[in-house]
């Protein structure tokens, strides 16, 4: 069965985060619970470029851009 690349990476990341004990939901943020947003900006066979934000109650408290 063929699978889109974006779907493959989403499910891989979802399973990895669940394995370390994080709850992964497609819904919006829950009040008083930290939210992590990862945006993959480029992907090759040797590297991944991404932007990660951690927010809580709609306020950003950590941001990381990784080239």
C-alpha atoms as a PDB file:
ATOM      1  CA  UNK A   1       0.000   0.000   0.000  1.00  0.00           C
ATOM      2  CA  UNK A   2       1.444   3.373  -1.014  1.00  0.00           C
ATOM      3  CA  UNK A   3       1.381   6.203   1.492  1.00  0.00           C
ATOM      4  CA  UNK A   4       2.044   9.947   0.997  1.00  0.00           C
ATOM      5  CA  UNK A   5       5.385  11.080   2.465  1.00  0.00           C
ATOM      6  CA  UNK A   6       3.726  13.653   4.751  1.00  0.00           C
ATOM      7  CA  UNK A   7       1.411  10.972   6.146  1.00  0.00           C
ATOM      8  CA  UNK A   8       4.338   8.602   6.742  1.00  0.00           C
ATOM      9  CA  UNK A   9       6.268  11.217   8.729  1.00  0.00           C
ATOM     10  CA  UNK A  10       3.203  12.290  10.694  1.00  0.00           C
ATOM     11  CA  UNK A  11       2.425   8.747  11.848  1.00  0.00           C
ATOM     12  CA  UNK A  12       6.102   8.047  12.619  1.00  0.00           C
ATOM     13  CA  UNK A  13       6.338  11.197  14.745  1.00  0.00           C
ATOM     14  CA  UNK A  14       2.984  10.505  16.395  1.00  0.00           C
ATOM     15  CA  UNK A  15       4.018   6.978  17.413  1.00  0.00           C
ATOM     16  CA  UNK A  16       7.401   8.204  18.675  1.00  0.00           C
ATOM     17  CA  UNK A  17       5.841  10.908  20.860  1.00  0.00           C
ATOM     18  CA  UNK A  18       3.229   8.507  22.216  1.00  0.00           C
ATOM     19  CA  UNK A  19       5.999   6.013  23.016  1.00  0.00           C
ATOM     20  CA  UNK A  20       7.681   8.565  25.326  1.00  0.00           C
ATOM     21  CA  UNK A  21       4.367   9.295  27.063  1.00  0.00           C
ATOM     22  CA  UNK A  22       3.043  12.368  25.229  1.00  0.00           C
ATOM     23  CA  UNK A  23      -0.595  12.737  24.214  1.00  0.00           C
ATOM     24  CA  UNK A  24      -0.984  13.490  20.500  1.00  0.00           C
ATOM     25  CA  UNK A  25      -4.274  15.002  19.360  1.00  0.00           C
ATOM     26  CA  UNK A  26      -5.360  16.607  16.087  1.00  0.00           C
ATOM     27  CA  UNK A  27      -7.581  19.048  18.014  1.00  0.00           C
ATOM     28  CA  UNK A  28      -6.636  22.545  19.114  1.00  0.00           C
ATOM     29  CA  UNK A  29      -4.851  23.363  22.351  1.00  0.00           C
ATOM     30  CA  UNK A  30      -6.330  22.530  25.723  1.00  0.00           C
ATOM     31  CA  UNK A  31      -6.301  25.268  28.384  1.00  0.00           C
ATOM     32  CA  UNK A  32      -3.394  24.959  30.861  1.00  0.00           C
ATOM     33  CA  UNK A  33      -1.701  22.231  28.807  1.00  0.00           C
ATOM     34  CA  UNK A  34       1.470  22.892  26.811  1.00  0.00           C
ATOM     35  CA  UNK A  35       1.176  22.508  23.049  1.00  0.00           C
ATOM     36  CA  UNK A  36       4.047  21.592  20.729  1.00  0.00           C
ATOM     37  CA  UNK A  37       3.838  22.488  17.034  1.00  0.00           C
ATOM     38  CA  UNK A  38       6.469  21.103  14.653  1.00  0.00           C
ATOM     39  CA  UNK A  39       6.597  22.399  11.082  1.00  0.00           C
ATOM     40  CA  UNK A  40       8.908  20.535   8.703  1.00  0.00           C
ATOM     41  CA  UNK A  41      10.186  23.086   6.174  1.00  0.00           C
ATOM     42  CA  UNK A  42      12.513  20.852   4.130  1.00  0.00           C
ATOM     43  CA  UNK A  43      13.314  17.173   4.029  1.00  0.00           C
ATOM     44  CA  UNK A  44      16.018  15.261   2.174  1.00  0.00           C
ATOM     45  CA  UNK A  45      17.629  11.866   2.575  1.00  0.00           C
ATOM     46  CA  UNK A  46      20.346  13.399   4.762  1.00  0.00           C
ATOM     47  CA  UNK A  47      18.649  16.162   6.794  1.00  0.00           C
ATOM     48  CA  UNK A  48      15.397  17.618   8.053  1.00  0.00           C
ATOM     49  CA  UNK A  49      14.786  21.327   8.578  1.00  0.00           C
ATOM     50  CA  UNK A  50      12.020  22.238  10.976  1.00  0.00           C
ATOM     51  CA  UNK A  51      10.552  24.879  13.238  1.00  0.00           C
ATOM     52  CA  UNK A  52       9.235  23.908  16.663  1.00  0.00           C
ATOM     53  CA  UNK A  53       7.089  26.047  18.975  1.00  0.00           C
ATOM     54  CA  UNK A  54       5.945  25.315  22.508  1.00  0.00           C
ATOM     55  CA  UNK A  55       2.960  27.312  23.707  1.00  0.00           C
ATOM     56  CA  UNK A  56       0.710  27.324  26.735  1.00  0.00           C
ATOM     57  CA  UNK A  57      -2.590  29.179  26.958  1.00  0.00           C
ATOM     58  CA  UNK A  58      -1.875  30.689  23.509  1.00  0.00           C
ATOM     59  CA  UNK A  59       1.400  32.304  24.684  1.00  0.00           C
ATOM     60  CA  UNK A  60       4.694  31.127  23.182  1.00  0.00           C
ATOM     61  CA  UNK A  61       7.367  30.179  25.705  1.00  0.00           C
ATOM     62  CA  UNK A  62       9.910  28.444  23.450  1.00  0.00           C
ATOM     63  CA  UNK A  63      10.730  28.576  19.749  1.00  0.00           C
ATOM     64  CA  UNK A  64      13.442  26.718  17.847  1.00  0.00           C
ATOM     65  CA  UNK A  65      14.425  26.927  14.179  1.00  0.00           C
ATOM     66  CA  UNK A  66      16.779  24.174  13.112  1.00  0.00           C
ATOM     67  CA  UNK A  67      18.716  24.329   9.835  1.00  0.00           C
END
